[in-house]
Amino acid sequence: MQDEQIRLLVRAIKRTMEEDYVSLHGMARRLRVSPSHLSMVLSGKRRPGLRFLWAVLARYPWLGETLLGGREPAEHKKRPSGSRPEGP
């Protein structure tokens, strides 16, 4: 992955965390990675590996646009107001 693609992916993950009200630990659980690994990827201290990318795409398929197109992903379908977020 090129640096710009990584930056777009990181921004998309952070935005998803904010929109879904998910903590770092919650997102790490969803992606089945350690919180420290996710933290290092999000802070730019570690580059995402293939397993990390597959985990992101399996959980959030619409983020594939970010990886393939090199642009910000389209807004994903929001949950109805008052609904609970998806589980792990």
PDB file of N, CA and C in Angstrom:
ATOM      1  N   MET A   1       0.837  -1.188   0.000  1.00  0.00           N
ATOM      2  CA  MET A   1       0.000   0.000   0.000  1.00  0.00           C
ATOM      3  C   MET A   1       0.875   1.241   0.000  1.00  0.00           C
ATOM      4  N   GLN A   2       0.391   2.240  -0.693  1.00  0.00           N
ATOM      5  CA  GLN A   2       1.104   3.506  -0.712  1.00  0.00           C
ATOM      6  C   GLN A   2       0.680   4.343   0.488  1.00  0.00           C
ATOM      7  N   ASP A   3       1.528   5.296   0.848  1.00  0.00           N
ATOM      8  CA  ASP A   3       1.282   6.111   2.033  1.00  0.00           C
ATOM      9  C   ASP A   3      -0.068   6.820   1.985  1.00  0.00           C
ATOM     10  N   GLU A   4      -0.437   7.349   0.821  1.00  0.00           N
ATOM     11  CA  GLU A   4      -1.717   8.066   0.713  1.00  0.00           C
ATOM     12  C   GLU A   4      -2.892   7.120   0.952  1.00  0.00           C
ATOM     13  N   GLN A   5      -2.806   5.904   0.455  1.00  0.00           N
ATOM     14  CA  GLN A   5      -3.867   4.921   0.686  1.00  0.00           C
ATOM     15  C   GLN A   5      -3.972   4.589   2.170  1.00  0.00           C
ATOM     16  N   ILE A   6      -2.841   4.482   2.839  1.00  0.00           N
ATOM     17  CA  ILE A   6      -2.847   4.192   4.275  1.00  0.00           C
ATOM     18  C   ILE A   6      -3.487   5.344   5.031  1.00  0.00           C
ATOM     19  N   ARG A   7      -3.126   6.578   4.663  1.00  0.00           N
ATOM     20  CA  ARG A   7      -3.728   7.746   5.335  1.00  0.00           C
ATOM     21  C   ARG A   7      -5.243   7.771   5.148  1.00  0.00           C
ATOM     22  N   LEU A   8      -5.710   7.486   3.943  1.00  0.00           N
ATOM     23  CA  LEU A   8      -7.153   7.459   3.687  1.00  0.00           C
ATOM     24  C   LEU A   8      -7.830   6.352   4.491  1.00  0.00           C
ATOM     25  N   LEU A   9      -7.201   5.191   4.552  1.00  0.00           N
ATOM     26  CA  LEU A   9      -7.758   4.080   5.322  1.00  0.00           C
ATOM     27  C   LEU A   9      -7.846   4.431   6.802  1.00  0.00           C
ATOM     28  N   VAL A  10      -6.793   5.015   7.340  1.00  0.00           N
ATOM     29  CA  VAL A  10      -6.775   5.400   8.756  1.00  0.00           C
ATOM     30  C   VAL A  10      -7.872   6.420   9.036  1.00  0.00           C
ATOM     31  N   ARG A  11      -8.011   7.413   8.161  1.00  0.00           N
ATOM     32  CA  ARG A  11      -9.081   8.407   8.355  1.00  0.00           C
ATOM     33  C   ARG A  11     -10.453   7.752   8.317  1.00  0.00           C
ATOM     34  N   ALA A  12     -10.637   6.809   7.396  1.00  0.00           N
ATOM     35  CA  ALA A  12     -11.924   6.124   7.281  1.00  0.00           C
ATOM     36  C   ALA A  12     -12.217   5.285   8.521  1.00  0.00           C
ATOM     37  N   ILE A  13     -11.217   4.618   9.055  1.00  0.00           N
ATOM     38  CA  ILE A  13     -11.417   3.822  10.274  1.00  0.00           C
ATOM     39  C   ILE A  13     -11.763   4.738  11.440  1.00  0.00           C
ATOM     40  N   LYS A  14     -11.033   5.832  11.581  1.00  0.00           N
ATOM     41  CA  LYS A  14     -11.313   6.772  12.674  1.00  0.00           C
ATOM     42  C   LYS A  14     -12.715   7.353  12.546  1.00  0.00           C
ATOM     43  N   ARG A  15     -13.105   7.700  11.320  1.00  0.00           N
ATOM     44  CA  ARG A  15     -14.447   8.254  11.112  1.00  0.00           C
ATOM     45  C   ARG A  15     -15.513   7.218  11.460  1.00  0.00           C
ATOM     46  N   THR A  16     -15.283   5.982  11.069  1.00  0.00           N
ATOM     47  CA  THR A  16     -16.220   4.909  11.390  1.00  0.00           C
ATOM     48  C   THR A  16     -16.321   4.728  12.896  1.00  0.00           C
ATOM     49  N   MET A  17     -15.199   4.800  13.588  1.00  0.00           N
ATOM     50  CA  MET A  17     -15.215   4.678  15.046  1.00  0.00           C
ATOM     51  C   MET A  17     -16.052   5.794  15.671  1.00  0.00           C
ATOM     52  N   GLU A  18     -15.890   7.012  15.165  1.00  0.00           N
ATOM     53  CA  GLU A  18     -16.656   8.142  15.691  1.00  0.00           C
ATOM     54  C   GLU A  18     -18.145   7.989  15.395  1.00  0.00           C
ATOM     55  N   GLU A  19     -18.474   7.637  14.159  1.00  0.00           N
ATOM     56  CA  GLU A  19     -19.884   7.519  13.764  1.00  0.00           C
ATOM     57  C   GLU A  19     -20.597   6.395  14.510  1.00  0.00           C
ATOM     58  N   ASP A  20     -19.880   5.309  14.776  1.00  0.00           N
ATOM     59  CA  ASP A  20     -20.482   4.158  15.445  1.00  0.00           C
ATOM     60  C   ASP A  20     -20.271   4.187  16.955  1.00  0.00           C
ATOM     61  N   TYR A  21     -19.638   5.254  17.466  1.00  0.00           N
ATOM     62  CA  TYR A  21     -19.357   5.382  18.900  1.00  0.00           C
ATOM     63  C   TYR A  21     -18.607   4.158  19.423  1.00  0.00           C
ATOM     64  N   VAL A  22     -17.532   3.804  18.738  1.00  0.00           N
ATOM     65  CA  VAL A  22     -16.747   2.627  19.096  1.00  0.00           C
ATOM     66  C   VAL A  22     -15.386   3.082  19.614  1.00  0.00           C
ATOM     67  N   SER A  23     -14.982   2.526  20.743  1.00  0.00           N
ATOM     68  CA  SER A  23     -13.670   2.832  21.302  1.00  0.00           C
ATOM     69  C   SER A  23     -12.582   2.082  20.546  1.00  0.00           C
ATOM     70  N   LEU A  24     -11.357   2.405  20.855  1.00  0.00           N
ATOM     71  CA  LEU A  24     -10.224   1.702  20.262  1.00  0.00           C
ATOM     72  C   LEU A  24     -10.321   0.206  20.566  1.00  0.00           C
ATOM     73  N   HIS A  25     -10.633  -0.117  21.813  1.00  0.00           N
ATOM     74  CA  HIS A  25     -10.750  -1.529  22.199  1.00  0.00           C
ATOM     75  C   HIS A  25     -11.912  -2.198  21.479  1.00  0.00           C
ATOM     76  N   GLY A  26     -13.012  -1.482  21.330  1.00  0.00           N
ATOM     77  CA  GLY A  26     -14.163  -2.036  20.621  1.00  0.00           C
ATOM     78  C   GLY A  26     -13.858  -2.296  19.155  1.00  0.00           C
ATOM     79  N   MET A  27     -13.169  -1.363  18.511  1.00  0.00           N
ATOM     80  CA  MET A  27     -12.809  -1.559  17.111  1.00  0.00           C
ATOM     81  C   MET A  27     -11.812  -2.700  16.973  1.00  0.00           C
ATOM     82  N   ALA A  28     -10.864  -2.788  17.891  1.00  0.00           N
ATOM     83  CA  ALA A  28      -9.894  -3.889  17.850  1.00  0.00           C
ATOM     84  C   ALA A  28     -10.619  -5.230  17.964  1.00  0.00           C
ATOM     85  N   ARG A  29     -11.621  -5.305  18.833  1.00  0.00           N
ATOM     86  CA  ARG A  29     -12.418  -6.539  18.953  1.00  0.00           C
ATOM     87  C   ARG A  29     -13.128  -6.846  17.646  1.00  0.00           C
ATOM     88  N   ARG A  30     -13.726  -5.824  17.035  1.00  0.00           N
ATOM     89  CA  ARG A  30     -14.441  -6.032  15.771  1.00  0.00           C
ATOM     90  C   ARG A  30     -13.509  -6.543  14.676  1.00  0.00           C
ATOM     91  N   LEU A  31     -12.293  -6.041  14.660  1.00  0.00           N
ATOM     92  CA  LEU A  31     -11.335  -6.429  13.626  1.00  0.00           C
ATOM     93  C   LEU A  31     -10.515  -7.659  14.019  1.00  0.00           C
ATOM     94  N   ARG A  32     -10.656  -8.078  15.260  1.00  0.00           N
ATOM     95  CA  ARG A  32      -9.901  -9.228  15.792  1.00  0.00           C
ATOM     96  C   ARG A  32      -8.397  -9.000  15.721  1.00  0.00           C
ATOM     97  N   VAL A  33      -8.011  -7.798  16.144  1.00  0.00           N
ATOM     98  CA  VAL A  33      -6.596  -7.460  16.285  1.00  0.00           C
ATOM     99  C   VAL A  33      -6.401  -6.924  17.698  1.00  0.00           C
ATOM    100  N   SER A  34      -5.173  -6.828  18.137  1.00  0.00           N
ATOM    101  CA  SER A  34      -4.932  -6.302  19.480  1.00  0.00           C
ATOM    102  C   SER A  34      -5.121  -4.782  19.478  1.00  0.00           C
ATOM    103  N   PRO A  35      -5.567  -4.233  20.606  1.00  0.00           N
ATOM    104  CA  PRO A  35      -5.704  -2.778  20.695  1.00  0.00           C
ATOM    105  C   PRO A  35      -4.382  -2.053  20.431  1.00  0.00           C
ATOM    106  N   SER A  36      -3.268  -2.634  20.885  1.00  0.00           N
ATOM    107  CA  SER A  36      -1.980  -1.965  20.662  1.00  0.00           C
ATOM    108  C   SER A  36      -1.619  -1.942  19.175  1.00  0.00           C
ATOM    109  N   HIS A  37      -1.916  -3.017  18.463  1.00  0.00           N
ATOM    110  CA  HIS A  37      -1.640  -3.046  17.021  1.00  0.00           C
ATOM    111  C   HIS A  37      -2.496  -1.998  16.306  1.00  0.00           C
ATOM    112  N   LEU A  38      -3.788  -1.953  16.627  1.00  0.00           N
ATOM    113  CA  LEU A  38      -4.671  -0.967  16.005  1.00  0.00           C
ATOM    114  C   LEU A  38      -4.196   0.444  16.316  1.00  0.00           C
ATOM    115  N   SER A  39      -3.811   0.685  17.555  1.00  0.00           N
ATOM    116  CA  SER A  39      -3.329   2.004  17.946  1.00  0.00           C
ATOM    117  C   SER A  39      -2.102   2.412  17.139  1.00  0.00           C
ATOM    118  N   MET A  40      -1.180   1.473  16.947  1.00  0.00           N
ATOM    119  CA  MET A  40       0.032   1.793  16.183  1.00  0.00           C
ATOM    120  C   MET A  40      -0.279   2.051  14.711  1.00  0.00           C
ATOM    121  N   VAL A  41      -1.233   1.319  14.146  1.00  0.00           N
ATOM    122  CA  VAL A  41      -1.628   1.571  12.754  1.00  0.00           C
ATOM    123  C   VAL A  41      -2.279   2.946  12.649  1.00  0.00           C
ATOM    124  N   LEU A  42      -3.186   3.254  13.579  1.00  0.00           N
ATOM    125  CA  LEU A  42      -3.894   4.533  13.525  1.00  0.00           C
ATOM    126  C   LEU A  42      -2.969   5.725  13.765  1.00  0.00           C
ATOM    127  N   SER A  43      -1.906   5.518  14.527  1.00  0.00           N
ATOM    128  CA  SER A  43      -0.973   6.620  14.803  1.00  0.00           C
ATOM    129  C   SER A  43       0.151   6.713  13.773  1.00  0.00           C
ATOM    130  N   GLY A  44       0.210   5.760  12.847  1.00  0.00           N
ATOM    131  CA  GLY A  44       1.237   5.791  11.815  1.00  0.00           C
ATOM    132  C   GLY A  44       2.548   5.151  12.222  1.00  0.00           C
ATOM    133  N   LYS A  45       2.585   4.503  13.378  1.00  0.00           N
ATOM    134  CA  LYS A  45       3.814   3.856  13.840  1.00  0.00           C
ATOM    135  C   LYS A  45       4.012   2.476  13.229  1.00  0.00           C
ATOM    136  N   ARG A  46       2.953   1.929  12.652  1.00  0.00           N
ATOM    137  CA  ARG A  46       3.031   0.618  12.008  1.00  0.00           C
ATOM    138  C   ARG A  46       2.182   0.660  10.746  1.00  0.00           C
ATOM    139  N   ARG A  47       2.674   0.018   9.696  1.00  0.00           N
ATOM    140  CA  ARG A  47       1.909  -0.080   8.448  1.00  0.00           C
ATOM    141  C   ARG A  47       0.954  -1.259   8.555  1.00  0.00           C
ATOM    142  N   PRO A  48      -0.254  -1.127   8.022  1.00  0.00           N
ATOM    143  CA  PRO A  48      -1.194  -2.250   8.082  1.00  0.00           C
ATOM    144  C   PRO A  48      -0.729  -3.392   7.186  1.00  0.00           C
ATOM    145  N   GLY A  49      -0.801  -4.597   7.712  1.00  0.00           N
ATOM    146  CA  GLY A  49      -0.443  -5.774   6.932  1.00  0.00           C
ATOM    147  C   GLY A  49      -1.660  -6.336   6.215  1.00  0.00           C
ATOM    148  N   LEU A  50      -1.433  -7.387   5.470  1.00  0.00           N
ATOM    149  CA  LEU A  50      -2.499  -8.000   4.687  1.00  0.00           C
ATOM    150  C   LEU A  50      -3.628  -8.522   5.574  1.00  0.00           C
ATOM    151  N   ARG A  51      -3.281  -9.166   6.685  1.00  0.00           N
ATOM    152  CA  ARG A  51      -4.312  -9.690   7.587  1.00  0.00           C
ATOM    153  C   ARG A  51      -5.177  -8.558   8.157  1.00  0.00           C
ATOM    154  N   PHE A  52      -4.538  -7.442   8.495  1.00  0.00           N
ATOM    155  CA  PHE A  52      -5.268  -6.279   8.996  1.00  0.00           C
ATOM    156  C   PHE A  52      -6.225  -5.754   7.928  1.00  0.00           C
ATOM    157  N   LEU A  53      -5.725  -5.634   6.701  1.00  0.00           N
ATOM    158  CA  LEU A  53      -6.562  -5.133   5.603  1.00  0.00           C
ATOM    159  C   LEU A  53      -7.749  -6.050   5.350  1.00  0.00           C
ATOM    160  N   TRP A  54      -7.514  -7.352   5.357  1.00  0.00           N
ATOM    161  CA  TRP A  54      -8.616  -8.297   5.162  1.00  0.00           C
ATOM    162  C   TRP A  54      -9.645  -8.164   6.279  1.00  0.00           C
ATOM    163  N   ALA A  55      -9.196  -7.971   7.512  1.00  0.00           N
ATOM    164  CA  ALA A  55     -10.114  -7.815   8.643  1.00  0.00           C
ATOM    165  C   ALA A  55     -10.979  -6.567   8.468  1.00  0.00           C
ATOM    166  N   VAL A  56     -10.360  -5.472   8.035  1.00  0.00           N
ATOM    167  CA  VAL A  56     -11.108  -4.227   7.815  1.00  0.00           C
ATOM    168  C   VAL A  56     -12.145  -4.423   6.715  1.00  0.00           C
ATOM    169  N   LEU A  57     -11.733  -5.020   5.601  1.00  0.00           N
ATOM    170  CA  LEU A  57     -12.655  -5.205   4.473  1.00  0.00           C
ATOM    171  C   LEU A  57     -13.750  -6.216   4.779  1.00  0.00           C
ATOM    172  N   ALA A  58     -13.462  -7.209   5.593  1.00  0.00           N
ATOM    173  CA  ALA A  58     -14.491  -8.184   5.964  1.00  0.00           C
ATOM    174  C   ALA A  58     -15.563  -7.521   6.818  1.00  0.00           C
ATOM    175  N   ARG A  59     -15.150  -6.627   7.703  1.00  0.00           N
ATOM    176  CA  ARG A  59     -16.095  -5.967   8.602  1.00  0.00           C
ATOM    177  C   ARG A  59     -16.764  -4.752   7.943  1.00  0.00           C
ATOM    178  N   TYR A  60     -16.009  -4.022   7.129  1.00  0.00           N
ATOM    179  CA  TYR A  60     -16.488  -2.786   6.503  1.00  0.00           C
ATOM    180  C   TYR A  60     -16.188  -2.820   5.005  1.00  0.00           C
ATOM    181  N   PRO A  61     -16.955  -3.583   4.230  1.00  0.00           N
ATOM    182  CA  PRO A  61     -16.652  -3.764   2.803  1.00  0.00           C
ATOM    183  C   PRO A  61     -16.609  -2.465   2.002  1.00  0.00           C
ATOM    184  N   TRP A  62     -17.389  -1.471   2.375  1.00  0.00           N
ATOM    185  CA  TRP A  62     -17.417  -0.218   1.616  1.00  0.00           C
ATOM    186  C   TRP A  62     -16.083   0.529   1.699  1.00  0.00           C
ATOM    187  N   LEU A  63     -15.213   0.177   2.626  1.00  0.00           N
ATOM    188  CA  LEU A  63     -13.916   0.836   2.704  1.00  0.00           C
ATOM    189  C   LEU A  63     -12.976   0.376   1.594  1.00  0.00           C
ATOM    190  N   GLY A  64     -13.386  -0.628   0.831  1.00  0.00           N
ATOM    191  CA  GLY A  64     -12.598  -1.062  -0.317  1.00  0.00           C
ATOM    192  C   GLY A  64     -12.408   0.057  -1.320  1.00  0.00           C
ATOM    193  N   GLU A  65     -13.380   0.964  -1.403  1.00  0.00           N
ATOM    194  CA  GLU A  65     -13.250   2.129  -2.289  1.00  0.00           C
ATOM    195  C   GLU A  65     -12.019   2.942  -1.914  1.00  0.00           C
ATOM    196  N   THR A  66     -11.756   3.042  -0.622  1.00  0.00           N
ATOM    197  CA  THR A  66     -10.603   3.798  -0.148  1.00  0.00           C
ATOM    198  C   THR A  66      -9.312   3.153  -0.616  1.00  0.00           C
ATOM    199  N   LEU A  67      -9.246   1.834  -0.507  1.00  0.00           N
ATOM    200  CA  LEU A  67      -8.020   1.130  -0.872  1.00  0.00           C
ATOM    201  C   LEU A  67      -7.801   1.103  -2.374  1.00  0.00           C
ATOM    202  N   LEU A  68      -8.860   0.881  -3.124  1.00  0.00           N
ATOM    203  CA  LEU A  68      -8.725   0.728  -4.571  1.00  0.00           C
ATOM    204  C   LEU A  68      -8.763   2.054  -5.315  1.00  0.00           C
ATOM    205  N   GLY A  69      -9.589   2.972  -4.824  1.00  0.00           N
ATOM    206  CA  GLY A  69      -9.775   4.215  -5.555  1.00  0.00           C
ATOM    207  C   GLY A  69      -8.912   5.364  -5.096  1.00  0.00           C
ATOM    208  N   GLY A  70      -8.304   5.227  -3.913  1.00  0.00           N
ATOM    209  CA  GLY A  70      -7.468   6.305  -3.413  1.00  0.00           C
ATOM    210  C   GLY A  70      -8.247   7.561  -3.089  1.00  0.00           C
ATOM    211  N   ARG A  71      -9.486   7.387  -2.627  1.00  0.00           N
ATOM    212  CA  ARG A  71     -10.312   8.552  -2.279  1.00  0.00           C
ATOM    213  C   ARG A  71     -11.108   8.231  -1.023  1.00  0.00           C
ATOM    214  N   GLU A  72     -11.642   9.276  -0.432  1.00  0.00           N
ATOM    215  CA  GLU A  72     -12.463   9.092   0.762  1.00  0.00           C
ATOM    216  C   GLU A  72     -13.658   8.215   0.424  1.00  0.00           C
ATOM    217  N   PRO A  73     -14.026   7.287   1.316  1.00  0.00           N
ATOM    218  CA  PRO A  73     -15.180   6.430   1.031  1.00  0.00           C
ATOM    219  C   PRO A  73     -16.476   7.211   1.127  1.00  0.00           C
ATOM    220  N   ALA A  74     -17.471   6.748   0.404  1.00  0.00           N
ATOM    221  CA  ALA A  74     -18.799   7.349   0.497  1.00  0.00           C
ATOM    222  C   ALA A  74     -19.350   7.078   1.886  1.00  0.00           C
ATOM    223  N   GLU A  75     -20.270   7.918   2.305  1.00  0.00           N
ATOM    224  CA  GLU A  75     -20.905   7.696   3.604  1.00  0.00           C
ATOM    225  C   GLU A  75     -21.542   6.320   3.617  1.00  0.00           C
ATOM    226  N   HIS A  76     -21.313   5.587   4.693  1.00  0.00           N
ATOM    227  CA  HIS A  76     -21.984   4.299   4.778  1.00  0.00           C
ATOM    228  C   HIS A  76     -23.365   4.504   5.369  1.00  0.00           C
ATOM    229  N   LYS A  77     -24.208   3.530   5.164  1.00  0.00           N
ATOM    230  CA  LYS A  77     -25.595   3.635   5.604  1.00  0.00           C
ATOM    231  C   LYS A  77     -25.637   3.764   7.118  1.00  0.00           C
ATOM    232  N   LYS A  78     -26.229   4.826   7.567  1.00  0.00           N
ATOM    233  CA  LYS A  78     -26.299   5.064   9.004  1.00  0.00           C
ATOM    234  C   LYS A  78     -27.445   4.276   9.612  1.00  0.00           C
ATOM    235  N   ARG A  79     -27.270   3.951  10.886  1.00  0.00           N
ATOM    236  CA  ARG A  79     -28.328   3.266  11.625  1.00  0.00           C
ATOM    237  C   ARG A  79     -29.448   4.253  11.915  1.00  0.00           C
ATOM    238  N   PRO A  80     -30.677   3.758  12.037  1.00  0.00           N
ATOM    239  CA  PRO A  80     -31.765   4.650  12.430  1.00  0.00           C
ATOM    240  C   PRO A  80     -31.489   5.248  13.803  1.00  0.00           C
ATOM    241  N   SER A  81     -31.951   6.453  14.006  1.00  0.00           N
ATOM    242  CA  SER A  81     -31.750   7.124  15.279  1.00  0.00           C
ATOM    243  C   SER A  81     -32.314   6.281  16.415  1.00  0.00           C
ATOM    244  N   GLY A  82     -31.541   6.174  17.484  1.00  0.00           N
ATOM    245  CA  GLY A  82     -31.991   5.424  18.652  1.00  0.00           C
ATOM    246  C   GLY A  82     -31.693   3.942  18.592  1.00  0.00           C
ATOM    247  N   SER A  83     -31.164   3.459  17.481  1.00  0.00           N
ATOM    248  CA  SER A  83     -30.860   2.031  17.397  1.00  0.00           C
ATOM    249  C   SER A  83     -29.506   1.760  18.035  1.00  0.00           C
ATOM    250  N   ARG A  84     -29.310   0.535  18.422  1.00  0.00           N
ATOM    251  CA  ARG A  84     -28.060   0.148  19.052  1.00  0.00           C
ATOM    252  C   ARG A  84     -27.021  -0.178  17.991  1.00  0.00           C
ATOM    253  N   PRO A  85     -25.750   0.093  18.300  1.00  0.00           N
ATOM    254  CA  PRO A  85     -24.697  -0.280  17.351  1.00  0.00           C
ATOM    255  C   PRO A  85     -24.587  -1.788  17.221  1.00  0.00           C
ATOM    256  N   GLU A  86     -23.982  -2.222  16.108  1.00  0.00           N
ATOM    257  CA  GLU A  86     -23.770  -3.648  15.894  1.00  0.00           C
ATOM    258  C   GLU A  86     -22.820  -4.187  16.945  1.00  0.00           C
ATOM    259  N   GLY A  87     -22.954  -5.463  17.246  1.00  0.00           N
ATOM    260  CA  GLY A  87     -22.072  -6.112  18.206  1.00  0.00           C
ATOM    261  C   GLY A  87     -20.727  -6.424  17.598  1.00  0.00           C
ATOM    262  N   PRO A  88     -19.866  -7.076  18.380  1.00  0.00           N
ATOM    263  CA  PRO A  88     -18.517  -7.385  17.915  1.00  0.00           C
ATOM    264  C   PRO A  88     -18.581  -8.325  16.787  1.00  0.00           C
TER     265      PRO A  88
END
